[in-house]
Amino acid sequence: MAMLLFKKKFLSAIRSGEKTQTIRLWKYRRMRAGQRSYIPGIGYIRIEAVDEVQLDALTDEDARPDGFKTADLLREEIARLYPQQLADGHQAYRVVFRTMTNDE
């Protein structure tokens, strides 16, 4: 089972439901819709969608489910977290997820 790792600063936003997606830079798609995954410190999640995105085309509306007020702030965080992947030309993927209840 694939895990999604997050910086500690994002965990409370995931728990509260403010953050329901993440942008990841991968050579190839590593997850698919319907897949179950795990976030340490959160628990199990269900992947709702995985879509290729262009970082330059992200809007402020796209950034909000990721826990950012603006697309510029989201792009700045991506640049800070993924400098090597950006330099290597990896594809950006939007991973939409929801936390799972104990009975799922």
N, C-alpha and C. Protein backbone atom coordinates (compact mmCIF):
# COMPACT_ATOMS: atom_id res chain seq x y z
N MET A 1 0.85 -1.18 0.00
CA MET A 1 0.00 0.00 0.00
C MET A 1 0.90 1.25 0.00
N ALA A 2 0.57 2.17 -0.86
CA ALA A 2 1.34 3.41 -0.96
C ALA A 2 0.98 4.35 0.19
N MET A 3 1.98 5.03 0.69
CA MET A 3 1.75 6.04 1.73
C MET A 3 1.93 7.42 1.11
N LEU A 4 1.18 8.37 1.61
CA LEU A 4 1.40 9.77 1.28
C LEU A 4 2.00 10.42 2.51
N LEU A 5 3.17 10.97 2.36
CA LEU A 5 3.83 11.63 3.47
C LEU A 5 3.61 13.13 3.37
N PHE A 6 3.36 13.76 4.52
CA PHE A 6 3.13 15.20 4.60
C PHE A 6 3.99 15.78 5.70
N LYS A 7 4.36 17.03 5.54
CA LYS A 7 5.02 17.77 6.60
C LYS A 7 4.02 17.91 7.75
N LYS A 8 4.52 17.94 8.99
CA LYS A 8 3.64 18.03 10.16
C LYS A 8 2.72 19.24 10.10
N LYS A 9 3.19 20.34 9.48
CA LYS A 9 2.37 21.55 9.45
C LYS A 9 1.06 21.37 8.69
N PHE A 10 0.94 20.32 7.86
CA PHE A 10 -0.27 20.09 7.08
C PHE A 10 -1.27 19.15 7.76
N LEU A 11 -0.85 18.44 8.80
CA LEU A 11 -1.70 17.40 9.38
C LEU A 11 -3.00 17.92 9.99
N SER A 12 -2.95 19.05 10.66
CA SER A 12 -4.20 19.56 11.26
C SER A 12 -5.20 19.97 10.19
N ALA A 13 -4.72 20.51 9.07
CA ALA A 13 -5.62 20.88 7.96
C ALA A 13 -6.23 19.63 7.32
N ILE A 14 -5.49 18.55 7.27
CA ILE A 14 -6.04 17.29 6.74
C ILE A 14 -7.10 16.76 7.71
N ARG A 15 -6.78 16.76 9.00
CA ARG A 15 -7.75 16.27 10.00
C ARG A 15 -9.05 17.07 9.97
N SER A 16 -8.94 18.39 9.79
CA SER A 16 -10.13 19.25 9.82
C SER A 16 -10.92 19.20 8.51
N GLY A 17 -10.34 18.63 7.47
CA GLY A 17 -11.00 18.58 6.17
C GLY A 17 -10.73 19.80 5.31
N GLU A 18 -9.89 20.71 5.78
CA GLU A 18 -9.53 21.88 4.99
C GLU A 18 -8.63 21.49 3.81
N LYS A 19 -7.77 20.52 4.02
CA LYS A 19 -6.86 20.05 2.97
C LYS A 19 -7.35 18.69 2.49
N THR A 20 -7.80 18.65 1.24
CA THR A 20 -8.35 17.41 0.68
C THR A 20 -7.65 17.01 -0.61
N GLN A 21 -6.54 17.68 -0.89
CA GLN A 21 -5.75 17.31 -2.06
C GLN A 21 -4.30 17.69 -1.83
N THR A 22 -3.46 17.15 -2.69
CA THR A 22 -2.04 17.48 -2.67
C THR A 22 -1.52 17.44 -4.10
N ILE A 23 -0.56 18.28 -4.38
CA ILE A 23 0.10 18.26 -5.68
C ILE A 23 1.43 17.54 -5.48
N ARG A 24 1.67 16.52 -6.29
CA ARG A 24 2.91 15.76 -6.22
C ARG A 24 3.60 15.78 -7.57
N LEU A 25 4.91 15.77 -7.55
CA LEU A 25 5.71 15.73 -8.77
C LEU A 25 6.33 14.35 -8.89
N TRP A 26 5.91 13.61 -9.91
CA TRP A 26 6.35 12.24 -10.11
C TRP A 26 6.79 12.05 -11.56
N LYS A 27 7.67 11.08 -11.78
CA LYS A 27 8.06 10.69 -13.14
C LYS A 27 6.86 10.06 -13.86
N TYR A 28 6.05 9.32 -13.10
CA TYR A 28 4.87 8.66 -13.63
C TYR A 28 3.82 8.60 -12.52
N ARG A 29 2.58 8.38 -12.89
CA ARG A 29 1.47 8.32 -11.92
C ARG A 29 1.71 7.17 -10.95
N ARG A 30 1.73 7.48 -9.66
CA ARG A 30 1.99 6.48 -8.63
C ARG A 30 0.75 6.00 -7.91
N MET A 31 -0.37 6.68 -8.12
CA MET A 31 -1.61 6.32 -7.44
C MET A 31 -2.75 6.39 -8.44
N ARG A 32 -3.87 5.79 -8.06
CA ARG A 32 -5.04 5.82 -8.92
C ARG A 32 -6.29 6.02 -8.08
N ALA A 33 -7.34 6.52 -8.72
CA ALA A 33 -8.61 6.73 -8.04
C ALA A 33 -9.13 5.40 -7.50
N GLY A 34 -9.73 5.44 -6.31
CA GLY A 34 -10.28 4.25 -5.67
C GLY A 34 -9.29 3.55 -4.76
N GLN A 35 -8.03 3.86 -4.89
CA GLN A 35 -6.99 3.23 -4.09
C GLN A 35 -7.08 3.68 -2.64
N ARG A 36 -6.75 2.78 -1.74
CA ARG A 36 -6.64 3.11 -0.33
C ARG A 36 -5.18 3.41 -0.05
N SER A 37 -4.93 4.40 0.76
CA SER A 37 -3.57 4.79 1.11
C SER A 37 -3.52 5.12 2.59
N TYR A 38 -2.36 5.52 3.06
CA TYR A 38 -2.17 5.79 4.48
C TYR A 38 -1.34 7.05 4.65
N ILE A 39 -1.76 7.91 5.57
CA ILE A 39 -0.99 9.10 5.94
C ILE A 39 -0.59 8.93 7.40
N PRO A 40 0.72 8.79 7.69
CA PRO A 40 1.14 8.69 9.09
C PRO A 40 0.65 9.91 9.88
N GLY A 41 0.09 9.63 11.04
CA GLY A 41 -0.44 10.70 11.88
C GLY A 41 -1.90 11.02 11.58
N ILE A 42 -2.44 10.48 10.49
CA ILE A 42 -3.84 10.71 10.11
C ILE A 42 -4.60 9.40 10.08
N GLY A 43 -4.08 8.45 9.35
CA GLY A 43 -4.75 7.17 9.17
C GLY A 43 -4.99 6.88 7.70
N TYR A 44 -5.97 6.04 7.45
CA TYR A 44 -6.26 5.62 6.08
C TYR A 44 -7.07 6.68 5.33
N ILE A 45 -6.77 6.77 4.05
CA ILE A 45 -7.49 7.68 3.16
C ILE A 45 -7.90 6.91 1.91
N ARG A 46 -8.88 7.45 1.22
CA ARG A 46 -9.31 6.92 -0.08
C ARG A 46 -8.93 7.95 -1.12
N ILE A 47 -8.25 7.51 -2.16
CA ILE A 47 -7.88 8.39 -3.27
C ILE A 47 -9.10 8.55 -4.16
N GLU A 48 -9.57 9.78 -4.31
CA GLU A 48 -10.77 10.06 -5.09
C GLU A 48 -10.42 10.33 -6.56
N ALA A 49 -9.29 10.95 -6.82
CA ALA A 49 -8.88 11.28 -8.20
C ALA A 49 -7.39 11.55 -8.23
N VAL A 50 -6.79 11.25 -9.37
CA VAL A 50 -5.39 11.59 -9.63
C VAL A 50 -5.34 12.11 -11.06
N ASP A 51 -5.03 13.41 -11.19
CA ASP A 51 -5.05 14.04 -12.51
C ASP A 51 -3.75 14.80 -12.76
N GLU A 52 -3.27 14.73 -14.00
CA GLU A 52 -2.13 15.55 -14.39
C GLU A 52 -2.57 17.01 -14.40
N VAL A 53 -1.71 17.89 -13.91
CA VAL A 53 -1.99 19.32 -13.93
C VAL A 53 -0.74 20.06 -14.39
N GLN A 54 -0.96 21.25 -14.90
CA GLN A 54 0.14 22.15 -15.25
C GLN A 54 0.25 23.18 -14.13
N LEU A 55 1.40 23.26 -13.51
CA LEU A 55 1.57 24.17 -12.37
C LEU A 55 1.24 25.60 -12.74
N ASP A 56 1.64 26.03 -13.92
CA ASP A 56 1.38 27.41 -14.35
C ASP A 56 -0.10 27.71 -14.52
N ALA A 57 -0.90 26.67 -14.75
CA ALA A 57 -2.33 26.86 -15.01
C ALA A 57 -3.18 26.79 -13.74
N LEU A 58 -2.58 26.45 -12.59
CA LEU A 58 -3.35 26.37 -11.36
C LEU A 58 -3.92 27.73 -10.98
N THR A 59 -5.16 27.73 -10.53
CA THR A 59 -5.83 28.96 -10.11
C THR A 59 -5.93 29.00 -8.59
N ASP A 60 -6.35 30.14 -8.06
CA ASP A 60 -6.56 30.25 -6.62
C ASP A 60 -7.61 29.24 -6.16
N GLU A 61 -8.62 29.01 -6.99
CA GLU A 61 -9.65 28.03 -6.66
C GLU A 61 -9.06 26.62 -6.57
N ASP A 62 -8.08 26.31 -7.43
CA ASP A 62 -7.39 25.02 -7.37
C ASP A 62 -6.58 24.89 -6.09
N ALA A 63 -6.05 25.99 -5.59
CA ALA A 63 -5.14 25.97 -4.44
C ALA A 63 -5.87 25.78 -3.11
N ARG A 64 -7.11 26.20 -3.02
CA ARG A 64 -7.83 26.17 -1.73
C ARG A 64 -7.98 24.77 -1.15
N PRO A 65 -8.39 23.74 -1.94
CA PRO A 65 -8.48 22.40 -1.35
C PRO A 65 -7.12 21.84 -0.92
N ASP A 66 -6.06 22.48 -1.38
CA ASP A 66 -4.71 22.08 -0.99
C ASP A 66 -4.27 22.81 0.28
N GLY A 67 -5.14 23.69 0.81
CA GLY A 67 -4.84 24.40 2.03
C GLY A 67 -4.11 25.72 1.84
N PHE A 68 -4.11 26.25 0.60
CA PHE A 68 -3.44 27.50 0.30
C PHE A 68 -4.45 28.54 -0.17
N LYS A 69 -4.23 29.80 0.19
CA LYS A 69 -5.16 30.86 -0.21
C LYS A 69 -5.03 31.21 -1.68
N THR A 70 -3.81 31.10 -2.22
CA THR A 70 -3.59 31.47 -3.62
C THR A 70 -2.75 30.42 -4.33
N ALA A 71 -2.86 30.40 -5.65
CA ALA A 71 -2.06 29.49 -6.46
C ALA A 71 -0.57 29.86 -6.36
N ASP A 72 -0.27 31.14 -6.23
CA ASP A 72 1.13 31.54 -6.09
C ASP A 72 1.75 30.96 -4.83
N LEU A 73 1.01 30.98 -3.71
CA LEU A 73 1.52 30.39 -2.47
C LEU A 73 1.71 28.88 -2.62
N LEU A 74 0.80 28.22 -3.31
CA LEU A 74 0.93 26.79 -3.56
C LEU A 74 2.17 26.51 -4.40
N ARG A 75 2.37 27.27 -5.47
CA ARG A 75 3.54 27.07 -6.33
C ARG A 75 4.85 27.32 -5.57
N GLU A 76 4.85 28.31 -4.67
CA GLU A 76 6.04 28.58 -3.85
C GLU A 76 6.37 27.38 -2.96
N GLU A 77 5.35 26.78 -2.36
CA GLU A 77 5.56 25.61 -1.51
C GLU A 77 6.06 24.42 -2.32
N ILE A 78 5.49 24.22 -3.51
CA ILE A 78 5.94 23.14 -4.38
C ILE A 78 7.41 23.34 -4.75
N ALA A 79 7.79 24.56 -5.08
CA ALA A 79 9.19 24.86 -5.43
C ALA A 79 10.11 24.59 -4.25
N ARG A 80 9.65 24.86 -3.03
CA ARG A 80 10.47 24.63 -1.83
C ARG A 80 10.59 23.12 -1.53
N LEU A 81 9.50 22.39 -1.72
CA LEU A 81 9.49 20.96 -1.40
C LEU A 81 10.12 20.09 -2.48
N TYR A 82 10.01 20.50 -3.73
CA TYR A 82 10.39 19.64 -4.85
C TYR A 82 11.38 20.29 -5.82
N PRO A 83 12.46 20.91 -5.35
CA PRO A 83 13.35 21.59 -6.30
C PRO A 83 13.98 20.64 -7.32
N GLN A 84 14.38 19.46 -6.87
CA GLN A 84 15.04 18.53 -7.80
C GLN A 84 14.05 17.97 -8.82
N GLN A 85 12.84 17.66 -8.37
CA GLN A 85 11.84 17.13 -9.29
C GLN A 85 11.46 18.18 -10.34
N LEU A 86 11.38 19.45 -9.94
CA LEU A 86 11.10 20.52 -10.90
C LEU A 86 12.24 20.62 -11.91
N ALA A 87 13.46 20.55 -11.42
CA ALA A 87 14.62 20.64 -12.31
C ALA A 87 14.67 19.45 -13.28
N ASP A 88 14.23 18.30 -12.82
CA ASP A 88 14.24 17.09 -13.65
C ASP A 88 13.04 16.99 -14.58
N GLY A 89 12.09 17.94 -14.48
CA GLY A 89 10.94 17.96 -15.38
C GLY A 89 9.85 16.96 -15.06
N HIS A 90 9.73 16.56 -13.80
CA HIS A 90 8.68 15.62 -13.43
C HIS A 90 7.31 16.24 -13.64
N GLN A 91 6.33 15.38 -13.89
CA GLN A 91 4.95 15.79 -14.12
C GLN A 91 4.27 16.09 -12.79
N ALA A 92 3.42 17.11 -12.77
CA ALA A 92 2.64 17.44 -11.58
C ALA A 92 1.31 16.68 -11.63
N TYR A 93 0.94 16.10 -10.50
CA TYR A 93 -0.33 15.38 -10.35
C TYR A 93 -1.09 15.94 -9.16
N ARG A 94 -2.38 16.15 -9.36
CA ARG A 94 -3.27 16.54 -8.26
C ARG A 94 -3.88 15.25 -7.71
N VAL A 95 -3.65 14.99 -6.43
CA VAL A 95 -4.19 13.80 -5.77
C VAL A 95 -5.28 14.28 -4.82
N VAL A 96 -6.52 13.93 -5.13
CA VAL A 96 -7.67 14.30 -4.29
C VAL A 96 -7.98 13.10 -3.40
N PHE A 97 -8.16 13.36 -2.11
CA PHE A 97 -8.36 12.27 -1.16
C PHE A 97 -9.38 12.66 -0.10
N ARG A 98 -9.84 11.64 0.62
CA ARG A 98 -10.70 11.86 1.78
C ARG A 98 -10.27 10.88 2.86
N THR A 99 -10.39 11.33 4.10
CA THR A 99 -10.07 10.42 5.21
C THR A 99 -11.17 9.37 5.31
N MET A 100 -10.78 8.21 5.74
CA MET A 100 -11.72 7.09 5.85
C MET A 100 -12.16 6.93 7.31
N THR A 101 -13.38 6.50 7.47
CA THR A 101 -13.88 6.21 8.82
C THR A 101 -13.44 4.80 9.21
N ASN A 102 -13.54 4.49 10.46
CA ASN A 102 -13.11 3.17 10.94
C ASN A 102 -13.90 2.01 10.35
N ASP A 103 -15.12 2.26 9.91
CA ASP A 103 -15.96 1.16 9.38
C ASP A 103 -15.84 0.97 7.88
N GLU A 104 -14.94 1.70 7.23
CA GLU A 104 -14.78 1.54 5.77
C GLU A 104 -13.77 0.46 5.45
